[in-house]
Amino acid sequence: MSEITRLKSQITARFSLGGFQIRSEASTFLAQQLLPLDATERKKWITNVANHVQGQCLSLPVVERPHIELAIKEANNTGLDDTETIFRVISAFDVPSFVYCEEKKKFLPDTNKRSLLALSDAKSTYIRERYWLLWQKTCRHDTFSRRIAPGTDEMGKKNRMTLRKVENILSTSKMNDVVLLGLLTQLTEGRYYMEDPTGSVPIDITTAKFSSGLFCEGSFLLAYGKYNDGILKVDEMRFPYPELAANSRAFFGSINSWGGPSKTLLKHSSNLADLEKAMVENSIVFLSDCWLDSLVVMDKLNHLLRGYDEYPPVAIVLMGPFSRTNENVYSLKPLFLKLGEILSECEKLISQTDLVIVPSIEDPAAANILPRPPIPDAITEELKKRFPRTILTTNPCRLQYCTQQIVVCRADLVTKLCRNTIHFPKEGLLEEHFARTITQQHTLAPLTPIAFPTHWNYDAALSLYPLPDLIVIGDPCQGFHTTEKDCTVMNVGSFPKSKFAFKVYYPSSRTVEDSQIPDEE
């Protein structure tokens, strides 16, 4: 007897005790949901689901699959605290901001009030805070913390190095074995400098070796070299060393550094961790470039939504731009109405799935700058009437699914990094270089504000520190997914330009599935 057959027998026996006859399809579905659990957890869940079915007061003692689905959903929410939610969308403007306290060696909440109209010193403030974030992380690395025996690190340099600041270098006329963490910038046209809060020093990178990644002006880099005659001759250039999210979170204490109503970080919730493991079929669907003014795109969206109505995901995330022309802000209103009419016929999606609308910087009613506010309610009111579970959010935004943390950003970020890099890598895959760049810079904007405009007061919304579980980018280039330091980095690609391909994420197994709407015969 197979494992699933044995489990179905246990389910049938338990429901029989309650006076119910369970259909074969329903028992198979429940058995598949419980298969990954151990024997003790299976018995507990069978009893729990049976009790919830009994509470549904069925007209006939026959249990169908919809009854089991509803019972599982009710059981999932049982036992959670008021602030523990299975799925939540967090606006970029609600992301908490922190500053690093060097005396206490930890991050403290930033109590300053923020607005889109930043003061003149806001630009230097957010760049300085990025520096201190990377400085404290770099100082802890084995290469500089003096906790390991002498030898060589991955760059071939001697261990127990001393991390310098610019003022230390400028205080002498000559210094060998310099290791400097600084901002790569051009203070004069055509001349690169490394800058930190103590000053700046010109650098010569003509013979420098670069580690993997996309090095752009506006990035913080580690430079290894020799200082002589007022110039730092760089031998090797790399990004600051990566760090696992668990190690980073230790310096925030118990405070919620992710966002949301909970005072503590839901990453540590045992209730949500159990649910995450149990709900193996739950998924989140991601699409980018959802052109609602294209008949072909709307036809494929209709196909996709009706297909998922049979097996509803937790959420469907639609990223803009939602129109190819964007001539008039109100031209989007009838387009969202058409989308609402399609969704209104999907009964299971209406009851079980959240629709998350993430605008692009090309969508109307906001400036070409991140974070971008949501699509206005006046444009999407007809969509929300027909699909009440519509969530209008910012770009970027954060998602919390059980204990997992997800960042979503619709921007041509891969393209911009490739266009602005000072050294394009000759080896390795582009997706790996991209992933290493943003995970080791710990920001969605490792570029100058000229190349990637951002609101200075809301740089925290672009932060990737500590690293989330999943980073979702909506860039029109070819889709991909890779993993860096236990963080999955995924580019959705363009829905219409990729022959209607999209990505599906399964949080329970932390896997990404490449999907595509097939061409009609």
Protein backbone atom coordinates (compact mmCIF):
# COMPACT_ATOMS: atom_id res chain seq x y z
CA MET A 1 0.00 0.00 0.00
CA SER A 2 1.44 3.39 -1.03
CA GLU A 3 1.90 6.23 1.46
CA ILE A 4 -0.87 8.36 -0.05
CA THR A 5 -3.31 5.40 -0.09
CA ARG A 6 -2.59 4.73 3.59
CA LEU A 7 -3.13 8.41 4.36
CA LYS A 8 -6.44 8.42 2.47
CA SER A 9 -7.62 5.47 4.57
CA GLN A 10 -6.84 7.41 7.77
CA ILE A 11 -8.74 10.43 6.44
CA THR A 12 -11.77 8.35 5.45
CA ALA A 13 -11.82 6.62 8.86
CA ARG A 14 -11.63 9.93 10.77
CA PHE A 15 -14.49 11.49 8.76
CA SER A 16 -16.57 8.33 9.18
CA LEU A 17 -16.32 8.76 12.94
CA GLY A 18 -17.99 12.15 12.51
CA GLY A 19 -20.76 10.67 10.37
CA PHE A 20 -19.41 11.98 7.06
CA GLN A 21 -18.74 10.33 3.74
CA ILE A 22 -15.77 11.96 2.03
CA ARG A 23 -15.45 11.89 -1.74
CA SER A 24 -12.35 10.26 -3.24
CA GLU A 25 -11.27 13.55 -4.89
CA ALA A 26 -11.54 15.37 -1.55
CA SER A 27 -9.58 12.73 0.39
CA THR A 28 -6.88 12.64 -2.30
CA PHE A 29 -6.55 16.43 -2.18
CA LEU A 30 -6.23 16.45 1.61
CA ALA A 31 -3.75 13.55 1.52
CA GLN A 32 -1.57 15.44 -0.95
CA GLN A 33 -1.57 18.49 1.32
CA LEU A 34 -0.55 16.44 4.36
CA LEU A 35 1.99 14.17 2.67
CA PRO A 36 5.09 16.35 3.47
CA LEU A 37 4.28 16.31 7.22
CA ASP A 38 5.32 13.71 9.76
CA ALA A 39 2.86 11.18 11.26
CA THR A 40 2.06 13.24 14.36
CA GLU A 41 1.38 16.43 12.40
CA ARG A 42 -0.79 14.51 9.93
CA LYS A 43 -3.10 13.18 12.67
CA LYS A 44 -3.34 16.65 14.18
CA TRP A 45 -4.27 18.25 10.86
CA ILE A 46 -6.79 15.52 9.91
CA THR A 47 -8.61 16.09 13.21
CA ASN A 48 -8.42 19.87 12.81
CA VAL A 49 -9.81 19.82 9.25
CA ALA A 50 -12.57 17.36 10.22
CA ASN A 51 -13.65 19.63 13.08
CA HIS A 52 -13.84 22.63 10.74
CA VAL A 53 -15.88 20.65 8.20
CA GLN A 54 -18.29 19.69 10.98
CA GLY A 55 -18.65 23.40 11.80
CA GLN A 56 -19.77 24.14 8.24
CA CYS A 57 -23.20 22.57 8.95
CA LEU A 58 -23.47 20.76 5.61
CA SER A 59 -26.94 20.02 4.27
CA LEU A 60 -25.81 16.47 3.36
CA PRO A 61 -23.17 14.36 5.18
CA VAL A 62 -21.06 14.23 2.00
CA VAL A 63 -17.73 16.07 1.99
CA GLU A 64 -16.57 17.53 -1.34
CA ARG A 65 -13.22 19.11 -2.20
CA PRO A 66 -14.50 22.73 -1.78
CA HIS A 67 -15.47 21.85 1.81
CA ILE A 68 -11.93 20.60 2.46
CA GLU A 69 -10.39 23.74 0.87
CA LEU A 70 -12.52 26.01 3.07
CA ALA A 71 -11.73 23.96 6.18
CA ILE A 72 -7.97 24.15 5.51
CA LYS A 73 -8.21 27.92 5.04
CA GLU A 74 -10.10 28.32 8.33
CA ALA A 75 -7.69 26.00 10.13
CA ASN A 76 -4.71 27.98 8.83
CA ASN A 77 -5.96 31.17 10.46
CA THR A 78 -6.75 29.49 13.76
CA GLY A 79 -4.20 30.11 16.49
CA LEU A 80 -2.57 33.16 14.92
CA ASP A 81 -2.10 36.33 16.92
CA ASP A 82 -3.83 39.50 15.80
CA THR A 83 -0.63 40.80 14.16
CA GLU A 84 0.27 37.47 12.52
CA THR A 85 -0.98 37.42 8.93
CA ILE A 86 -0.38 34.86 6.21
CA PHE A 87 -0.09 37.51 3.49
CA ARG A 88 0.43 41.26 3.65
CA VAL A 89 1.53 44.00 1.26
CA ILE A 90 3.72 46.75 2.76
CA SER A 91 3.94 50.15 1.10
CA ALA A 92 7.37 51.66 0.41
CA PHE A 93 6.33 54.69 2.43
CA ASP A 94 5.62 52.48 5.46
CA VAL A 95 8.99 50.70 5.47
CA PRO A 96 10.76 51.48 8.77
CA SER A 97 14.03 53.41 8.61
CA PHE A 98 17.06 52.70 10.80
CA VAL A 99 20.37 54.38 11.56
CA TYR A 100 23.50 52.60 12.71
CA CYS A 101 24.77 53.54 16.18
CA GLU A 102 28.50 52.91 16.29
CA GLU A 103 28.62 53.16 20.09
CA LYS A 104 25.96 50.48 20.66
CA LYS A 105 26.98 48.46 17.59
CA LYS A 106 23.36 48.08 16.50
CA PHE A 107 20.67 49.67 14.35
CA LEU A 108 18.21 52.03 16.00
CA PRO A 109 14.87 53.31 14.61
CA ASP A 110 15.08 56.62 12.80
CA THR A 111 12.67 58.94 14.60
CA ASN A 112 12.91 61.82 12.10
CA LYS A 113 9.75 62.65 10.17
CA ARG A 114 10.04 62.06 6.44
CA SER A 115 8.35 63.65 3.44
CA LEU A 116 8.80 63.67 -0.32
CA LEU A 117 10.07 67.26 -0.10
CA ALA A 118 13.53 66.53 1.27
CA LEU A 119 15.82 69.05 2.90
CA SER A 120 19.13 69.98 1.27
CA ASP A 121 21.18 67.67 3.50
CA ALA A 122 18.98 64.60 2.85
CA LYS A 123 21.13 63.42 -0.07
CA SER A 124 24.36 63.32 1.93
CA THR A 125 22.48 61.73 4.85
CA TYR A 126 21.17 58.70 2.96
CA ILE A 127 24.52 58.11 1.22
CA ARG A 128 26.30 58.33 4.56
CA GLU A 129 23.88 55.84 6.13
CA ARG A 130 24.53 53.42 3.27
CA TYR A 131 28.24 53.74 3.98
CA TRP A 132 27.88 52.99 7.70
CA LEU A 133 25.65 50.00 6.94
CA LEU A 134 28.33 48.50 4.69
CA TRP A 135 31.17 49.59 6.99
CA GLN A 136 29.85 47.74 10.05
CA LYS A 137 29.13 44.64 7.97
CA THR A 138 32.58 44.69 6.38
CA CYS A 139 34.37 45.18 9.71
CA ARG A 140 32.74 41.99 11.01
CA HIS A 141 34.04 39.89 8.13
CA ASP A 142 36.79 37.43 9.00
CA THR A 143 39.24 39.29 6.76
CA PHE A 144 39.15 42.32 9.08
CA SER A 145 37.87 41.01 12.41
CA ARG A 146 41.15 39.23 13.35
CA ARG A 147 39.32 36.10 14.44
CA ILE A 148 41.07 33.65 12.13
CA ALA A 149 44.57 32.32 11.68
CA PRO A 150 46.91 34.00 9.19
CA GLY A 151 46.42 32.90 5.59
CA THR A 152 44.78 34.23 2.47
CA ASP A 153 41.20 35.11 1.68
CA GLU A 154 39.28 34.60 -1.55
CA MET A 155 40.96 37.64 -3.17
CA GLY A 156 44.43 36.26 -2.42
CA LYS A 157 45.13 38.94 0.17
CA LYS A 158 46.63 38.40 3.60
CA ASN A 159 44.15 38.01 6.44
CA ARG A 160 43.99 40.41 9.37
CA MET A 161 43.92 43.37 7.08
CA THR A 162 43.16 46.86 8.32
CA LEU A 163 40.18 48.62 6.78
CA ARG A 164 41.20 52.24 6.17
CA LYS A 165 39.36 55.52 5.88
CA VAL A 166 40.36 58.26 3.46
CA GLU A 167 41.68 60.56 6.20
CA ASN A 168 44.16 57.84 7.27
CA ILE A 169 45.49 57.58 3.73
CA LEU A 170 45.74 61.33 3.14
CA SER A 171 47.70 61.79 6.37
CA THR A 172 50.75 60.19 4.74
CA SER A 173 52.52 60.51 1.41
CA LYS A 174 52.92 56.78 0.82
CA MET A 175 51.11 53.65 2.03
CA ASN A 176 51.23 50.06 0.85
CA ASP A 177 48.55 47.38 1.27
CA VAL A 178 45.71 49.88 1.39
CA VAL A 179 42.17 48.51 1.81
CA LEU A 180 39.57 51.25 1.41
CA LEU A 181 35.77 51.12 1.52
CA GLY A 182 34.32 54.06 -0.36
CA LEU A 183 31.84 55.45 -2.85
CA LEU A 184 32.92 55.31 -6.48
CA THR A 185 32.31 58.77 -7.90
CA GLN A 186 33.51 61.33 -10.44
CA LEU A 187 34.25 64.59 -8.64
CA THR A 188 35.79 65.90 -11.85
CA GLU A 189 34.74 64.74 -15.31
CA GLY A 190 36.60 61.65 -16.47
CA ARG A 191 38.41 61.14 -13.13
CA TYR A 192 37.28 58.53 -10.59
CA TYR A 193 37.52 59.00 -6.83
CA MET A 194 36.82 56.90 -3.75
CA GLU A 195 34.87 58.88 -1.18
CA ASP A 196 33.85 58.26 2.43
CA PRO A 197 32.61 60.55 5.25
CA THR A 198 36.20 61.64 6.00
CA GLY A 199 37.20 62.76 2.49
CA SER A 200 37.99 61.65 -1.05
CA VAL A 201 41.04 60.31 -2.88
CA PRO A 202 41.66 60.02 -6.65
CA ILE A 203 42.14 56.47 -7.90
CA ASP A 204 43.82 54.81 -10.87
CA ILE A 205 41.95 51.70 -12.06
CA THR A 206 43.65 51.21 -15.42
CA THR A 207 45.29 47.93 -14.34
CA ALA A 208 42.81 46.89 -11.64
CA LYS A 209 41.34 43.40 -11.48
CA PHE A 210 37.61 43.27 -10.82
CA SER A 211 35.69 40.58 -8.98
CA SER A 212 32.31 39.40 -10.29
CA GLY A 213 29.55 41.99 -10.42
CA LEU A 214 28.49 45.16 -12.23
CA PHE A 215 30.56 48.10 -10.94
CA CYS A 216 28.83 51.46 -11.38
CA GLU A 217 29.42 55.00 -10.27
CA GLY A 218 27.37 55.37 -7.10
CA SER A 219 28.34 51.93 -5.74
CA PHE A 220 30.35 51.35 -2.57
CA LEU A 221 33.45 49.30 -3.31
CA LEU A 222 36.44 47.75 -1.59
CA ALA A 223 39.68 48.89 -3.25
CA TYR A 224 42.99 47.09 -2.66
CA GLY A 225 46.13 48.92 -3.75
CA LYS A 226 49.00 51.30 -3.02
CA TYR A 227 48.83 55.02 -2.23
CA ASN A 228 51.61 57.19 -3.64
CA ASP A 229 51.90 60.84 -4.73
CA GLY A 230 48.28 61.63 -3.92
CA ILE A 231 46.80 58.78 -6.01
CA LEU A 232 45.53 55.37 -4.94
CA LYS A 233 46.74 52.84 -7.50
CA VAL A 234 44.09 50.12 -7.35
CA ASP A 235 45.22 46.53 -7.90
CA GLU A 236 41.91 44.82 -7.14
CA MET A 237 38.33 46.04 -6.85
CA ARG A 238 35.42 44.15 -5.33
CA PHE A 239 32.09 44.65 -3.61
CA PRO A 240 31.81 44.57 0.20
CA TYR A 241 31.68 41.00 1.49
CA PRO A 242 28.21 39.38 1.55
CA GLU A 243 26.44 38.46 4.75
CA LEU A 244 23.64 36.02 5.55
CA ALA A 245 20.36 37.61 6.60
CA ALA A 246 20.36 35.76 9.95
CA ASN A 247 23.68 37.38 10.86
CA SER A 248 22.44 40.83 9.83
CA ARG A 249 19.19 40.57 11.82
CA ALA A 250 21.12 40.06 15.05
CA PHE A 251 22.04 43.76 15.02
CA PHE A 252 18.42 44.93 14.93
CA GLY A 253 17.35 43.20 18.14
CA SER A 254 13.76 41.99 18.39
CA ILE A 255 12.23 45.01 16.64
CA ASN A 256 10.31 44.58 13.38
CA SER A 257 12.80 45.75 10.73
CA TRP A 258 10.65 44.61 7.79
CA GLY A 259 7.44 46.57 8.22
CA GLY A 260 3.79 45.86 9.00
CA PRO A 261 1.72 46.21 12.19
CA SER A 262 3.56 43.57 14.22
CA LYS A 263 6.01 44.94 16.79
CA THR A 264 8.22 41.87 16.45
CA LEU A 265 9.62 40.32 13.28
CA LEU A 266 7.26 37.66 11.87
CA LYS A 267 10.32 35.85 10.52
CA HIS A 268 10.54 34.25 13.98
CA SER A 269 6.85 33.26 14.25
CA SER A 270 6.55 29.51 14.92
CA ASN A 271 2.82 29.57 14.02
CA LEU A 272 3.50 31.03 10.59
CA ALA A 273 6.48 28.71 10.07
CA ASP A 274 4.23 25.67 10.59
CA LEU A 275 1.64 27.03 8.16
CA GLU A 276 4.30 27.78 5.58
CA LYS A 277 5.48 24.16 5.62
CA ALA A 278 1.95 22.75 5.54
CA MET A 279 0.62 24.80 2.61
CA VAL A 280 2.82 23.20 -0.03
CA GLU A 281 0.64 24.14 -3.03
CA ASN A 282 0.35 27.83 -2.20
CA SER A 283 1.96 30.04 -4.82
CA ILE A 284 2.46 33.67 -5.85
CA VAL A 285 2.27 34.60 -9.55
CA PHE A 286 4.34 37.47 -10.99
CA LEU A 287 3.82 39.23 -14.35
CA SER A 288 5.44 42.39 -15.74
CA ASP A 289 4.53 44.73 -18.61
CA CYS A 290 0.80 44.07 -18.36
CA TRP A 291 -0.33 46.18 -21.33
CA LEU A 292 -4.07 46.40 -20.81
CA ASP A 293 -4.46 48.37 -24.06
CA SER A 294 -3.21 45.40 -26.10
CA LEU A 295 -5.87 42.96 -27.30
CA VAL A 296 -3.36 40.11 -27.44
CA VAL A 297 -2.13 40.77 -23.89
CA MET A 298 -5.69 40.99 -22.57
CA ASP A 299 -6.56 37.72 -24.28
CA LYS A 300 -3.56 36.00 -22.66
CA LEU A 301 -4.39 37.56 -19.27
CA ASN A 302 -7.93 36.24 -19.62
CA HIS A 303 -6.50 32.79 -20.36
CA LEU A 304 -4.18 32.97 -17.35
CA LEU A 305 -6.79 34.22 -14.86
CA ARG A 306 -9.40 31.67 -15.88
CA GLY A 307 -6.79 28.93 -15.64
CA TYR A 308 -5.80 29.94 -12.13
CA ASP A 309 -9.45 30.12 -11.09
CA GLU A 310 -9.30 26.31 -10.79
CA TYR A 311 -6.26 26.42 -8.46
CA PRO A 312 -6.19 29.91 -6.88
CA PRO A 313 -2.75 31.21 -5.81
CA VAL A 314 -2.23 33.32 -2.70
CA ALA A 315 -1.66 36.39 -4.85
CA ILE A 316 -1.24 37.52 -8.44
CA VAL A 317 1.19 40.43 -8.76
CA LEU A 318 0.70 42.52 -11.91
CA MET A 319 3.46 45.03 -12.70
CA GLY A 320 3.19 47.92 -15.14
CA PRO A 321 3.34 49.72 -17.38
CA PHE A 322 -0.36 49.09 -17.90
CA SER A 323 -0.48 50.99 -21.18
CA ARG A 324 1.94 51.28 -24.09
CA THR A 325 1.16 54.95 -24.77
CA ASN A 326 0.28 56.52 -21.37
CA GLU A 327 -0.97 59.63 -23.16
CA ASN A 328 -3.69 60.41 -20.63
CA VAL A 329 -4.02 59.34 -17.02
CA TYR A 330 -7.75 58.63 -17.46
CA SER A 331 -7.13 56.42 -20.48
CA LEU A 332 -6.29 53.68 -17.96
CA LYS A 333 -9.76 53.78 -16.38
CA PRO A 334 -11.61 51.77 -19.06
CA LEU A 335 -8.66 49.38 -19.27
CA PHE A 336 -8.87 48.48 -15.58
CA LEU A 337 -12.64 48.15 -16.05
CA LYS A 338 -12.02 45.45 -18.70
CA LEU A 339 -9.64 43.66 -16.33
CA GLY A 340 -12.30 43.81 -13.62
CA GLU A 341 -14.90 42.29 -15.94
CA ILE A 342 -12.61 39.32 -16.58
CA LEU A 343 -11.88 38.85 -12.87
CA SER A 344 -15.54 39.14 -11.88
CA GLU A 345 -16.17 35.79 -13.58
CA CYS A 346 -13.43 34.04 -11.56
CA GLU A 347 -15.31 32.99 -8.41
CA LYS A 348 -12.46 31.21 -6.63
CA LEU A 349 -9.99 34.02 -7.29
CA ILE A 350 -12.46 36.51 -5.82
CA SER A 351 -12.65 34.55 -2.58
CA GLN A 352 -9.09 33.29 -2.21
CA THR A 353 -6.58 35.44 -4.16
CA ASP A 354 -5.21 38.95 -3.70
CA LEU A 355 -4.55 41.01 -6.83
CA VAL A 356 -1.52 43.27 -6.26
CA ILE A 357 -1.08 46.18 -8.69
CA VAL A 358 2.50 47.52 -8.86
CA PRO A 359 2.97 50.58 -11.12
CA SER A 360 6.04 51.32 -13.23
CA ILE A 361 7.71 54.71 -13.45
CA GLU A 362 6.21 54.96 -16.95
CA ASP A 363 2.62 54.85 -15.67
CA PRO A 364 0.90 58.24 -15.41
CA ALA A 365 0.07 60.35 -12.34
CA ALA A 366 3.54 60.26 -10.74
CA ALA A 367 7.06 61.47 -11.43
CA ASN A 368 9.84 59.32 -12.89
CA ILE A 369 11.35 58.62 -9.48
CA LEU A 370 11.27 55.79 -6.91
CA PRO A 371 9.55 54.99 -4.61
CA ARG A 372 6.53 55.61 -6.80
CA PRO A 373 3.04 55.98 -5.22
CA PRO A 374 0.23 53.58 -6.17
CA ILE A 375 -2.08 53.92 -9.16
CA PRO A 376 -4.78 56.42 -8.04
CA ASP A 377 -8.08 55.00 -6.72
CA ALA A 378 -10.02 57.14 -9.18
CA ILE A 379 -8.57 55.13 -12.08
CA THR A 380 -9.11 51.68 -10.57
CA GLU A 381 -12.45 52.10 -8.77
CA GLU A 382 -14.33 49.92 -11.28
CA LEU A 383 -11.72 47.17 -10.93
CA LYS A 384 -12.02 47.26 -7.12
CA LYS A 385 -15.82 47.06 -7.32
CA ARG A 386 -15.62 43.88 -9.37
CA PHE A 387 -12.61 42.43 -7.57
CA PRO A 388 -12.61 43.67 -3.94
CA ARG A 389 -9.30 41.94 -3.12
CA THR A 390 -7.40 44.38 -5.34
CA ILE A 391 -4.41 45.97 -3.55
CA LEU A 392 -2.92 49.13 -5.03
CA THR A 393 0.63 49.47 -3.82
CA THR A 394 3.88 51.35 -4.37
CA ASN A 395 6.89 50.61 -6.52
CA PRO A 396 8.90 49.09 -4.92
CA CYS A 397 6.84 47.30 -2.30
CA ARG A 398 7.34 44.54 0.23
CA LEU A 399 5.34 41.34 0.62
CA GLN A 400 5.16 39.18 3.72
CA TYR A 401 4.03 35.60 3.21
CA CYS A 402 4.07 33.68 6.51
CA THR A 403 7.72 34.01 7.61
CA GLN A 404 9.07 34.91 4.18
CA GLN A 405 10.10 38.40 3.09
CA ILE A 406 9.71 39.43 -0.56
CA VAL A 407 10.75 42.65 -2.31
CA VAL A 408 9.05 43.59 -5.59
CA CYS A 409 10.42 46.33 -7.87
CA ARG A 410 9.32 47.22 -11.40
CA ALA A 411 12.35 48.96 -12.93
CA ASP A 412 14.76 48.44 -15.81
CA LEU A 413 17.41 47.72 -13.21
CA VAL A 414 19.37 45.00 -15.05
CA THR A 415 19.50 47.21 -18.13
CA LYS A 416 20.63 50.28 -16.17
CA LEU A 417 23.40 48.44 -14.36
CA CYS A 418 24.72 47.00 -17.63
CA ARG A 419 24.56 50.40 -19.31
CA ASN A 420 26.37 52.24 -16.50
CA THR A 421 28.99 49.70 -15.43
CA ILE A 422 32.65 50.79 -15.71
CA HIS A 423 33.75 47.18 -16.20
CA PHE A 424 31.53 44.69 -18.00
CA PRO A 425 32.45 41.13 -16.92
CA LYS A 426 33.84 38.87 -19.61
CA GLU A 427 32.99 35.61 -17.85
CA GLY A 428 30.04 34.22 -15.94
CA LEU A 429 26.28 34.58 -16.32
CA LEU A 430 24.69 38.02 -16.31
CA GLU A 431 22.08 36.98 -13.74
CA GLU A 432 24.80 35.95 -11.29
CA HIS A 433 26.65 39.25 -11.70
CA PHE A 434 23.40 41.15 -11.22
CA ALA A 435 22.42 39.16 -8.13
CA ARG A 436 25.83 39.67 -6.52
CA THR A 437 25.67 43.39 -7.22
CA ILE A 438 22.37 44.14 -5.49
CA THR A 439 22.79 41.60 -2.65
CA GLN A 440 26.28 42.82 -1.77
CA GLN A 441 25.37 46.50 -2.16
CA HIS A 442 22.17 45.80 -0.15
CA THR A 443 20.09 48.24 -2.18
CA LEU A 444 17.91 48.31 -5.28
CA ALA A 445 19.69 51.50 -6.39
CA PRO A 446 23.49 50.98 -6.46
CA LEU A 447 23.75 53.89 -8.93
CA THR A 448 23.99 57.67 -8.87
CA PRO A 449 20.67 59.54 -8.45
CA ILE A 450 21.14 60.90 -11.98
CA ALA A 451 21.08 57.39 -13.49
CA PHE A 452 18.44 56.05 -11.08
CA PRO A 453 16.38 58.88 -9.50
CA THR A 454 15.18 58.14 -5.95
CA HIS A 455 13.51 60.07 -3.13
CA TRP A 456 16.34 60.84 -0.71
CA ASN A 457 14.10 60.61 2.36
CA TYR A 458 12.84 57.14 1.42
CA ASP A 459 16.07 55.31 0.66
CA ALA A 460 15.04 52.75 3.32
CA ALA A 461 12.32 51.56 0.93
CA LEU A 462 15.06 50.48 -1.50
CA SER A 463 17.17 48.77 1.15
CA LEU A 464 17.94 45.05 0.93
CA TYR A 465 19.49 44.77 4.38
CA PRO A 466 19.00 42.28 5.94
CA LEU A 467 18.61 40.27 2.75
CA PRO A 468 15.01 39.17 2.05
CA ASP A 469 14.07 35.66 0.99
CA LEU A 470 13.09 36.73 -2.53
CA ILE A 471 13.86 39.78 -4.69
CA VAL A 472 11.54 40.18 -7.69
CA ILE A 473 12.64 42.56 -10.45
CA GLY A 474 10.48 43.52 -13.42
CA ASP A 475 13.00 44.26 -16.17
CA PRO A 476 12.06 43.76 -19.85
CA CYS A 477 15.25 41.77 -20.49
CA GLN A 478 15.20 37.97 -20.48
CA GLY A 479 13.76 36.44 -17.32
CA PHE A 480 15.94 34.48 -14.92
CA HIS A 481 16.29 33.38 -11.32
CA THR A 482 19.35 32.60 -9.24
CA THR A 483 20.32 32.34 -5.58
CA GLU A 484 22.88 34.37 -3.66
CA LYS A 485 23.48 33.94 0.09
CA ASP A 486 20.15 32.09 0.56
CA CYS A 487 18.35 34.96 -1.22
CA THR A 488 16.55 34.15 -4.48
CA VAL A 489 16.90 36.91 -7.08
CA MET A 490 14.36 36.73 -9.89
CA ASN A 491 13.72 38.81 -12.99
CA VAL A 492 10.20 38.31 -14.30
CA GLY A 493 10.92 39.60 -17.80
CA SER A 494 8.31 41.19 -20.07
CA PHE A 495 5.02 39.30 -20.35
CA PRO A 496 4.32 40.29 -24.00
CA LYS A 497 7.94 40.40 -25.21
CA SER A 498 8.75 36.93 -23.87
CA LYS A 499 5.85 35.24 -25.67
CA PHE A 500 3.73 35.55 -22.52
CA ALA A 501 6.07 33.99 -19.99
CA PHE A 502 5.71 34.64 -16.25
CA LYS A 503 7.08 33.37 -12.95
CA VAL A 504 5.43 31.38 -10.16
CA TYR A 505 6.98 31.22 -6.69
CA TYR A 506 6.22 28.38 -4.24
CA PRO A 507 7.16 29.65 -0.75
CA SER A 508 6.94 26.26 0.97
CA SER A 509 9.73 24.80 -1.16
CA ARG A 510 11.31 28.20 -2.07
CA THR A 511 11.25 27.24 -5.74
CA VAL A 512 10.59 29.32 -8.86
CA GLU A 513 8.64 27.86 -11.77
CA ASP A 514 8.97 29.24 -15.31
CA SER A 515 5.52 29.34 -16.88
CA GLN A 516 4.09 30.46 -20.19
CA ILE A 517 0.69 30.89 -21.83
CA PRO A 518 0.71 28.51 -24.80
CA ASP A 519 -0.13 29.66 -28.30
CA GLU A 520 -3.60 28.68 -29.43
CA GLU A 521 -3.81 25.96 -32.05
